[in-house]
């Protein structure tokens, strides 16, 4: 049998067509990352002012400065139960 050799030469316009697509994708990704890092995409600043004004709301009275317990009244201490043998 005879040996068959097939040689194909690439078209001049199609060589490297995938390279410029990958280059474009890399540039877009670098731009997005730079925007997040330097352009303020990672930190959020807001100028919103929240003002809660409920009509008819009354604040509780201020505590007296005479001292006392921190949580109100405390019941007297009881002895711990003993175990019977």
C-alpha atoms as a PDB file:
ATOM      1  CA  UNK A   1       0.000   0.000   0.000  1.00  0.00           C
ATOM      2  CA  UNK A   2       1.000   3.515  -0.596  1.00  0.00           C
ATOM      3  CA  UNK A   3       1.623   5.960   2.204  1.00  0.00           C
ATOM      4  CA  UNK A   4      -0.771   8.892   2.165  1.00  0.00           C
ATOM      5  CA  UNK A   5       0.454  12.179   3.621  1.00  0.00           C
ATOM      6  CA  UNK A   6      -2.044  14.976   4.125  1.00  0.00           C
ATOM      7  CA  UNK A   7      -0.802  18.436   5.004  1.00  0.00           C
ATOM      8  CA  UNK A   8      -3.157  21.255   5.872  1.00  0.00           C
ATOM      9  CA  UNK A   9      -2.059  24.823   6.226  1.00  0.00           C
ATOM     10  CA  UNK A  10      -4.152  27.090   8.430  1.00  0.00           C
ATOM     11  CA  UNK A  11      -5.852  30.102   6.941  1.00  0.00           C
ATOM     12  CA  UNK A  12      -3.996  33.343   7.491  1.00  0.00           C
ATOM     13  CA  UNK A  13      -7.065  35.084   8.988  1.00  0.00           C
ATOM     14  CA  UNK A  14      -8.103  32.370  11.420  1.00  0.00           C
ATOM     15  CA  UNK A  15      -4.825  31.900  13.253  1.00  0.00           C
ATOM     16  CA  UNK A  16      -4.965  33.460  16.704  1.00  0.00           C
ATOM     17  CA  UNK A  17      -8.703  34.162  16.644  1.00  0.00           C
ATOM     18  CA  UNK A  18      -9.123  32.400  19.971  1.00  0.00           C
ATOM     19  CA  UNK A  19      -6.204  34.282  21.485  1.00  0.00           C
ATOM     20  CA  UNK A  20      -7.778  37.698  21.125  1.00  0.00           C
ATOM     21  CA  UNK A  21     -11.023  36.379  22.687  1.00  0.00           C
ATOM     22  CA  UNK A  22      -9.118  35.114  25.716  1.00  0.00           C
ATOM     23  CA  UNK A  23      -7.207  38.388  25.889  1.00  0.00           C
ATOM     24  CA  UNK A  24     -10.466  40.324  25.864  1.00  0.00           C
ATOM     25  CA  UNK A  25     -11.903  38.137  28.628  1.00  0.00           C
ATOM     26  CA  UNK A  26      -8.788  38.646  30.757  1.00  0.00           C
ATOM     27  CA  UNK A  27      -8.930  42.423  30.274  1.00  0.00           C
ATOM     28  CA  UNK A  28     -12.607  42.549  31.237  1.00  0.00           C
ATOM     29  CA  UNK A  29     -11.966  40.463  34.352  1.00  0.00           C
ATOM     30  CA  UNK A  30      -9.042  42.663  35.351  1.00  0.00           C
ATOM     31  CA  UNK A  31     -11.216  45.739  34.891  1.00  0.00           C
ATOM     32  CA  UNK A  32     -13.977  44.299  37.061  1.00  0.00           C
ATOM     33  CA  UNK A  33     -11.510  43.318  39.789  1.00  0.00           C
ATOM     34  CA  UNK A  34      -9.900  46.771  39.679  1.00  0.00           C
ATOM     35  CA  UNK A  35     -13.319  48.409  39.966  1.00  0.00           C
ATOM     36  CA  UNK A  36     -14.146  46.325  43.031  1.00  0.00           C
ATOM     37  CA  UNK A  37     -10.818  47.039  44.713  1.00  0.00           C
ATOM     38  CA  UNK A  38     -10.213  50.683  43.771  1.00  0.00           C
ATOM     39  CA  UNK A  39     -13.573  52.001  42.632  1.00  0.00           C
ATOM     40  CA  UNK A  40     -15.600  51.286  45.727  1.00  0.00           C
ATOM     41  CA  UNK A  41     -17.277  48.048  44.829  1.00  0.00           C
ATOM     42  CA  UNK A  42     -16.195  46.311  48.044  1.00  0.00           C
ATOM     43  CA  UNK A  43     -17.131  48.974  50.577  1.00  0.00           C
ATOM     44  CA  UNK A  44     -20.547  50.551  50.747  1.00  0.00           C
ATOM     45  CA  UNK A  45     -21.201  54.070  51.927  1.00  0.00           C
ATOM     46  CA  UNK A  46     -24.696  55.318  52.337  1.00  0.00           C
ATOM     47  CA  UNK A  47     -26.137  58.749  52.866  1.00  0.00           C
ATOM     48  CA  UNK A  48     -29.520  57.519  54.050  1.00  0.00           C
ATOM     49  CA  UNK A  49     -30.759  59.077  57.275  1.00  0.00           C
ATOM     50  CA  UNK A  50     -33.064  56.910  59.323  1.00  0.00           C
ATOM     51  CA  UNK A  51     -35.334  58.925  61.585  1.00  0.00           C
ATOM     52  CA  UNK A  52     -37.850  56.942  63.586  1.00  0.00           C
ATOM     53  CA  UNK A  53     -40.455  59.264  65.037  1.00  0.00           C
ATOM     54  CA  UNK A  54     -43.482  57.521  66.500  1.00  0.00           C
ATOM     55  CA  UNK A  55     -46.238  59.919  67.544  1.00  0.00           C
ATOM     56  CA  UNK A  56     -47.558  59.312  71.031  1.00  0.00           C
ATOM     57  CA  UNK A  57     -44.566  57.258  72.179  1.00  0.00           C
ATOM     58  CA  UNK A  58     -43.516  57.897  75.775  1.00  0.00           C
ATOM     59  CA  UNK A  59     -40.082  57.081  77.064  1.00  0.00           C
ATOM     60  CA  UNK A  60     -39.798  55.177  80.361  1.00  0.00           C
ATOM     61  CA  UNK A  61     -38.907  57.179  83.467  1.00  0.00           C
ATOM     62  CA  UNK A  62     -35.256  57.509  84.376  1.00  0.00           C
ATOM     63  CA  UNK A  63     -34.039  55.276  87.219  1.00  0.00           C
ATOM     64  CA  UNK A  64     -33.373  56.879  90.574  1.00  0.00           C
ATOM     65  CA  UNK A  65     -29.798  57.443  91.628  1.00  0.00           C
ATOM     66  CA  UNK A  66     -30.285  56.041  95.127  1.00  0.00           C
ATOM     67  CA  UNK A  67     -28.537  52.792  94.289  1.00  0.00           C
ATOM     68  CA  UNK A  68     -29.958  49.353  94.741  1.00  0.00           C
ATOM     69  CA  UNK A  69     -29.970  46.117  92.832  1.00  0.00           C
ATOM     70  CA  UNK A  70     -29.179  45.994  89.150  1.00  0.00           C
ATOM     71  CA  UNK A  71     -32.013  43.722  88.135  1.00  0.00           C
ATOM     72  CA  UNK A  72     -34.797  44.632  90.527  1.00  0.00           C
ATOM     73  CA  UNK A  73     -35.710  42.743  93.630  1.00  0.00           C
ATOM     74  CA  UNK A  74     -33.782  39.629  94.545  1.00  0.00           C
ATOM     75  CA  UNK A  75     -35.439  36.916  96.626  1.00  0.00           C
ATOM     76  CA  UNK A  76     -33.699  35.901  99.829  1.00  0.00           C
ATOM     77  CA  UNK A  77     -31.200  33.071  99.614  1.00  0.00           C
ATOM     78  CA  UNK A  78     -32.471  29.659 100.605  1.00  0.00           C
ATOM     79  CA  UNK A  79     -30.444  26.809 101.969  1.00  0.00           C
ATOM     80  CA  UNK A  80     -29.631  24.048  99.541  1.00  0.00           C
ATOM     81  CA  UNK A  81     -31.542  20.803 100.012  1.00  0.00           C
ATOM     82  CA  UNK A  82     -29.669  18.121 101.854  1.00  0.00           C
ATOM     83  CA  UNK A  83     -29.539  14.498 100.773  1.00  0.00           C
ATOM     84  CA  UNK A  84     -30.942  11.988 103.171  1.00  0.00           C
ATOM     85  CA  UNK A  85     -29.178   8.661 103.264  1.00  0.00           C
END
